[in-house]
Amino acid sequence: MGGYRNTYSTGLDAILFTAEGDMRHALNNLQASHSLAKFTKDGSGVVDQKTVFQVCDQPHPNIVRSVIDFAHKNDIDNAIENLRMLYDQGYSSSDLIGTLFKVTKAHATMPEGTKLEFLREIGFTHMRISNGVDSLLQLLGLVSRLCQVMEKEQNQQQQ
């Protein structure tokens, strides 16, 4: 286990995120990430976020978080731009919706009521995607509905 000591906390955070609480997944992800990291340019074997998400083939949560943050600011254009970027990188709608759920659930600065509304909309979209309606259009519709949630909240605050 000597090689596994060279793990930055960001790599560890990424492993925890991808493992979803399953120790077997965590160990497998760590081992695969370490193996890939040994063959990088510097050959140090250091496991970092980039390596973990590359090995696990999951969208980077920071980019997914930017989609949520832009929707929370009712900035639909930037939210769609980031979502399209991830989709164009080859991530499936299932991968994206799962990561959107995990990132929203763990969002620390979003008010609880807003978070619940976002999770509700993400859940409905996840159900549609699971039923076979797996397209970019479903994800774009989700972003639109998330922005509508914020628009309704803003209108209620003004009254």
C-alpha atoms as a PDB file:
ATOM      1  CA  MET A   1       0.000   0.000   0.000  1.00  0.00           C
ATOM      2  CA  GLY A   2       3.051   2.285  -0.041  1.00  0.00           C
ATOM      3  CA  GLY A   3       2.105   3.936  -3.338  1.00  0.00           C
ATOM      4  CA  TYR A   4      -1.304   4.972  -2.076  1.00  0.00           C
ATOM      5  CA  ARG A   5       0.159   7.390   0.447  1.00  0.00           C
ATOM      6  CA  ASN A   6       0.727   9.966  -2.308  1.00  0.00           C
ATOM      7  CA  THR A   7      -2.916  11.048  -2.390  1.00  0.00           C
ATOM      8  CA  TYR A   8      -3.925  14.694  -2.243  1.00  0.00           C
ATOM      9  CA  SER A   9      -7.083  15.530  -0.367  1.00  0.00           C
ATOM     10  CA  THR A  10      -8.776  16.598  -3.618  1.00  0.00           C
ATOM     11  CA  GLY A  11      -8.089  13.123  -5.027  1.00  0.00           C
ATOM     12  CA  LEU A  12      -9.493  11.605  -1.875  1.00  0.00           C
ATOM     13  CA  ASP A  13     -12.581  13.801  -2.125  1.00  0.00           C
ATOM     14  CA  ALA A  14     -13.069  12.678  -5.724  1.00  0.00           C
ATOM     15  CA  ILE A  15     -12.766   9.027  -4.713  1.00  0.00           C
ATOM     16  CA  LEU A  16     -15.343   9.513  -1.957  1.00  0.00           C
ATOM     17  CA  PHE A  17     -17.677  11.249  -4.412  1.00  0.00           C
ATOM     18  CA  THR A  18     -17.427   8.523  -7.056  1.00  0.00           C
ATOM     19  CA  ALA A  19     -17.668   5.630  -4.581  1.00  0.00           C
ATOM     20  CA  GLU A  20     -21.029   6.799  -3.204  1.00  0.00           C
ATOM     21  CA  GLY A  21     -20.327   5.257   0.197  1.00  0.00           C
ATOM     22  CA  ASP A  22     -19.240   1.850  -1.112  1.00  0.00           C
ATOM     23  CA  MET A  23     -15.792   0.897   0.207  1.00  0.00           C
ATOM     24  CA  ARG A  24     -15.227  -1.642  -2.582  1.00  0.00           C
ATOM     25  CA  HIS A  25     -15.829   1.040  -5.208  1.00  0.00           C
ATOM     26  CA  ALA A  26     -13.545   3.404  -3.346  1.00  0.00           C
ATOM     27  CA  LEU A  27     -10.695   0.899  -3.296  1.00  0.00           C
ATOM     28  CA  ASN A  28     -11.207  -0.058  -6.935  1.00  0.00           C
ATOM     29  CA  ASN A  29     -11.311   3.600  -7.978  1.00  0.00           C
ATOM     30  CA  LEU A  30      -8.176   4.370  -5.964  1.00  0.00           C
ATOM     31  CA  GLN A  31      -6.280   1.418  -7.426  1.00  0.00           C
ATOM     32  CA  ALA A  32      -7.294   2.226 -11.009  1.00  0.00           C
ATOM     33  CA  SER A  33      -6.524   5.935 -10.553  1.00  0.00           C
ATOM     34  CA  HIS A  34      -3.123   5.167  -9.066  1.00  0.00           C
ATOM     35  CA  SER A  35      -2.318   2.832 -11.963  1.00  0.00           C
ATOM     36  CA  LEU A  36      -3.232   5.528 -14.484  1.00  0.00           C
ATOM     37  CA  ALA A  37      -1.351   8.212 -12.532  1.00  0.00           C
ATOM     38  CA  LYS A  38       1.864   6.166 -12.725  1.00  0.00           C
ATOM     39  CA  PHE A  39       1.772   6.558 -16.514  1.00  0.00           C
ATOM     40  CA  THR A  40       1.309  10.331 -16.596  1.00  0.00           C
ATOM     41  CA  LYS A  41       4.039  12.715 -17.748  1.00  0.00           C
ATOM     42  CA  ASP A  42       5.641  13.055 -14.333  1.00  0.00           C
ATOM     43  CA  GLY A  43       5.016   9.396 -13.428  1.00  0.00           C
ATOM     44  CA  SER A  44       4.567  10.304  -9.776  1.00  0.00           C
ATOM     45  CA  GLY A  45       1.524   8.118  -9.201  1.00  0.00           C
ATOM     46  CA  VAL A  46      -0.219  10.948  -7.364  1.00  0.00           C
ATOM     47  CA  VAL A  47      -3.981  10.524  -7.458  1.00  0.00           C
ATOM     48  CA  ASP A  48      -5.779  13.801  -8.116  1.00  0.00           C
ATOM     49  CA  GLN A  49      -9.312  14.817  -9.072  1.00  0.00           C
ATOM     50  CA  LYS A  50      -8.632  14.838 -12.789  1.00  0.00           C
ATOM     51  CA  THR A  51      -7.281  11.273 -12.751  1.00  0.00           C
ATOM     52  CA  VAL A  52     -10.146   9.926 -10.622  1.00  0.00           C
ATOM     53  CA  PHE A  53     -12.888  11.413 -12.795  1.00  0.00           C
ATOM     54  CA  GLN A  54     -11.056  10.269 -15.922  1.00  0.00           C
ATOM     55  CA  VAL A  55     -10.873   6.693 -14.630  1.00  0.00           C
ATOM     56  CA  CYS A  56     -14.430   6.634 -13.296  1.00  0.00           C
ATOM     57  CA  ASP A  57     -15.808   8.345 -16.417  1.00  0.00           C
ATOM     58  CA  GLN A  58     -18.054  10.693 -14.464  1.00  0.00           C
ATOM     59  CA  PRO A  59     -18.750  14.353 -15.196  1.00  0.00           C
ATOM     60  CA  HIS A  60     -16.657  16.629 -13.011  1.00  0.00           C
ATOM     61  CA  PRO A  61     -18.825  17.818 -10.106  1.00  0.00           C
ATOM     62  CA  ASN A  62     -17.397  21.352 -10.270  1.00  0.00           C
ATOM     63  CA  ILE A  63     -18.746  21.789 -13.796  1.00  0.00           C
ATOM     64  CA  VAL A  64     -22.058  20.206 -12.814  1.00  0.00           C
ATOM     65  CA  ARG A  65     -22.156  22.531  -9.813  1.00  0.00           C
ATOM     66  CA  SER A  66     -21.712  25.504 -12.150  1.00  0.00           C
ATOM     67  CA  VAL A  67     -24.840  24.361 -14.042  1.00  0.00           C
ATOM     68  CA  ILE A  68     -26.762  24.300 -10.746  1.00  0.00           C
ATOM     69  CA  ASP A  69     -25.311  27.641  -9.632  1.00  0.00           C
ATOM     70  CA  PHE A  70     -26.188  29.332 -12.932  1.00  0.00           C
ATOM     71  CA  ALA A  71     -29.735  27.930 -12.734  1.00  0.00           C
ATOM     72  CA  HIS A  72     -29.914  29.166  -9.135  1.00  0.00           C
ATOM     73  CA  LYS A  73     -28.985  32.645 -10.422  1.00  0.00           C
ATOM     74  CA  ASN A  74     -31.628  32.246 -13.166  1.00  0.00           C
ATOM     75  CA  ASP A  75     -28.843  32.473 -15.790  1.00  0.00           C
ATOM     76  CA  ILE A  76     -30.191  29.963 -18.293  1.00  0.00           C
ATOM     77  CA  ASP A  77     -27.668  30.729 -21.051  1.00  0.00           C
ATOM     78  CA  ASN A  78     -24.581  29.880 -18.992  1.00  0.00           C
ATOM     79  CA  ALA A  79     -26.294  26.880 -17.386  1.00  0.00           C
ATOM     80  CA  ILE A  80     -27.122  25.474 -20.829  1.00  0.00           C
ATOM     81  CA  GLU A  81     -23.628  26.230 -22.136  1.00  0.00           C
ATOM     82  CA  ASN A  82     -21.997  24.211 -19.342  1.00  0.00           C
ATOM     83  CA  LEU A  83     -24.508  21.386 -19.652  1.00  0.00           C
ATOM     84  CA  ARG A  84     -23.977  21.184 -23.427  1.00  0.00           C
ATOM     85  CA  MET A  85     -20.214  21.123 -22.891  1.00  0.00           C
ATOM     86  CA  LEU A  86     -20.554  18.061 -20.656  1.00  0.00           C
ATOM     87  CA  TYR A  87     -23.001  16.387 -23.036  1.00  0.00           C
ATOM     88  CA  ASP A  88     -20.680  17.062 -25.988  1.00  0.00           C
ATOM     89  CA  GLN A  89     -17.834  15.403 -24.062  1.00  0.00           C
ATOM     90  CA  GLY A  90     -19.812  12.171 -24.370  1.00  0.00           C
ATOM     91  CA  TYR A  91     -21.494  11.880 -20.994  1.00  0.00           C
ATOM     92  CA  SER A  92     -24.901  10.221 -21.165  1.00  0.00           C
ATOM     93  CA  SER A  93     -28.055  11.804 -19.843  1.00  0.00           C
ATOM     94  CA  SER A  94     -28.082   9.149 -17.096  1.00  0.00           C
ATOM     95  CA  ASP A  95     -24.563  10.089 -15.974  1.00  0.00           C
ATOM     96  CA  LEU A  96     -25.396  13.775 -15.985  1.00  0.00           C
ATOM     97  CA  ILE A  97     -28.721  13.466 -14.151  1.00  0.00           C
ATOM     98  CA  GLY A  98     -27.147  11.267 -11.461  1.00  0.00           C
ATOM     99  CA  THR A  99     -24.339  13.738 -10.894  1.00  0.00           C
ATOM    100  CA  LEU A 100     -26.780  16.671 -10.931  1.00  0.00           C
ATOM    101  CA  PHE A 101     -28.714  14.952  -8.151  1.00  0.00           C
ATOM    102  CA  LYS A 102     -25.633  14.241  -6.011  1.00  0.00           C
ATOM    103  CA  VAL A 103     -24.220  17.747  -6.445  1.00  0.00           C
ATOM    104  CA  THR A 104     -27.534  19.456  -5.689  1.00  0.00           C
ATOM    105  CA  LYS A 105     -28.104  17.275  -2.630  1.00  0.00           C
ATOM    106  CA  ALA A 106     -24.676  18.228  -1.254  1.00  0.00           C
ATOM    107  CA  HIS A 107     -24.952  21.937  -2.176  1.00  0.00           C
ATOM    108  CA  ALA A 108     -24.079  23.806   1.005  1.00  0.00           C
ATOM    109  CA  THR A 109     -25.143  27.380   0.201  1.00  0.00           C
ATOM    110  CA  MET A 110     -28.504  26.785  -1.470  1.00  0.00           C
ATOM    111  CA  PRO A 111     -31.548  27.433   0.736  1.00  0.00           C
ATOM    112  CA  GLU A 112     -33.245  24.200   1.776  1.00  0.00           C
ATOM    113  CA  GLY A 113     -36.578  25.008   0.118  1.00  0.00           C
ATOM    114  CA  THR A 114     -34.916  25.774  -3.190  1.00  0.00           C
ATOM    115  CA  LYS A 115     -32.784  22.650  -2.910  1.00  0.00           C
ATOM    116  CA  LEU A 116     -35.904  20.527  -2.412  1.00  0.00           C
ATOM    117  CA  GLU A 117     -37.580  22.080  -5.461  1.00  0.00           C
ATOM    118  CA  PHE A 118     -34.443  21.473  -7.543  1.00  0.00           C
ATOM    119  CA  LEU A 119     -34.237  17.861  -6.337  1.00  0.00           C
ATOM    120  CA  ARG A 120     -37.903  17.379  -7.178  1.00  0.00           C
ATOM    121  CA  GLU A 121     -37.389  18.578 -10.757  1.00  0.00           C
ATOM    122  CA  ILE A 122     -34.214  16.508 -11.100  1.00  0.00           C
ATOM    123  CA  GLY A 123     -36.116  13.467  -9.814  1.00  0.00           C
ATOM    124  CA  PHE A 124     -38.893  13.889 -12.383  1.00  0.00           C
ATOM    125  CA  THR A 125     -36.316  14.221 -15.164  1.00  0.00           C
ATOM    126  CA  HIS A 126     -34.416  11.204 -13.861  1.00  0.00           C
ATOM    127  CA  MET A 127     -37.643   9.200 -14.032  1.00  0.00           C
ATOM    128  CA  ARG A 128     -38.238  10.248 -17.662  1.00  0.00           C
ATOM    129  CA  ILE A 129     -34.657   9.372 -18.620  1.00  0.00           C
ATOM    130  CA  SER A 130     -34.936   6.001 -16.864  1.00  0.00           C
ATOM    131  CA  ASN A 131     -38.118   5.296 -18.838  1.00  0.00           C
ATOM    132  CA  GLY A 132     -36.184   5.616 -22.098  1.00  0.00           C
ATOM    133  CA  VAL A 133     -36.594   9.270 -23.031  1.00  0.00           C
ATOM    134  CA  ASP A 134     -32.820   9.729 -22.946  1.00  0.00           C
ATOM    135  CA  SER A 135     -31.918  12.914 -24.809  1.00  0.00           C
ATOM    136  CA  LEU A 136     -30.293  16.290 -24.482  1.00  0.00           C
ATOM    137  CA  LEU A 137     -33.752  17.819 -24.757  1.00  0.00           C
ATOM    138  CA  GLN A 138     -34.725  16.312 -21.378  1.00  0.00           C
ATOM    139  CA  LEU A 139     -31.678  17.909 -19.744  1.00  0.00           C
ATOM    140  CA  LEU A 140     -32.287  21.285 -21.391  1.00  0.00           C
ATOM    141  CA  GLY A 141     -35.911  21.144 -20.234  1.00  0.00           C
ATOM    142  CA  LEU A 142     -34.656  20.453 -16.715  1.00  0.00           C
ATOM    143  CA  VAL A 143     -32.418  23.535 -16.775  1.00  0.00           C
ATOM    144  CA  SER A 144     -35.379  25.579 -17.982  1.00  0.00           C
ATOM    145  CA  ARG A 145     -37.578  24.282 -15.155  1.00  0.00           C
ATOM    146  CA  LEU A 146     -34.851  24.976 -12.574  1.00  0.00           C
ATOM    147  CA  CYS A 147     -34.670  28.568 -13.789  1.00  0.00           C
ATOM    148  CA  GLN A 148     -38.473  28.780 -13.600  1.00  0.00           C
ATOM    149  CA  VAL A 149     -38.283  27.685  -9.959  1.00  0.00           C
ATOM    150  CA  MET A 150     -35.958  30.605  -9.278  1.00  0.00           C
ATOM    151  CA  GLU A 151     -38.141  33.007 -11.247  1.00  0.00           C
ATOM    152  CA  LYS A 152     -41.183  32.007  -9.168  1.00  0.00           C
ATOM    153  CA  GLU A 153     -39.215  32.476  -5.950  1.00  0.00           C
ATOM    154  CA  GLN A 154     -38.056  35.916  -7.064  1.00  0.00           C
ATOM    155  CA  ASN A 155     -41.633  36.920  -7.953  1.00  0.00           C
ATOM    156  CA  GLN A 156     -42.885  35.733  -4.547  1.00  0.00           C
ATOM    157  CA  GLN A 157     -40.178  37.735  -2.756  1.00  0.00           C
ATOM    158  CA  GLN A 158     -41.171  40.908  -4.639  1.00  0.00           C
ATOM    159  CA  GLN A 159     -44.799  40.623  -3.550  1.00  0.00           C
END
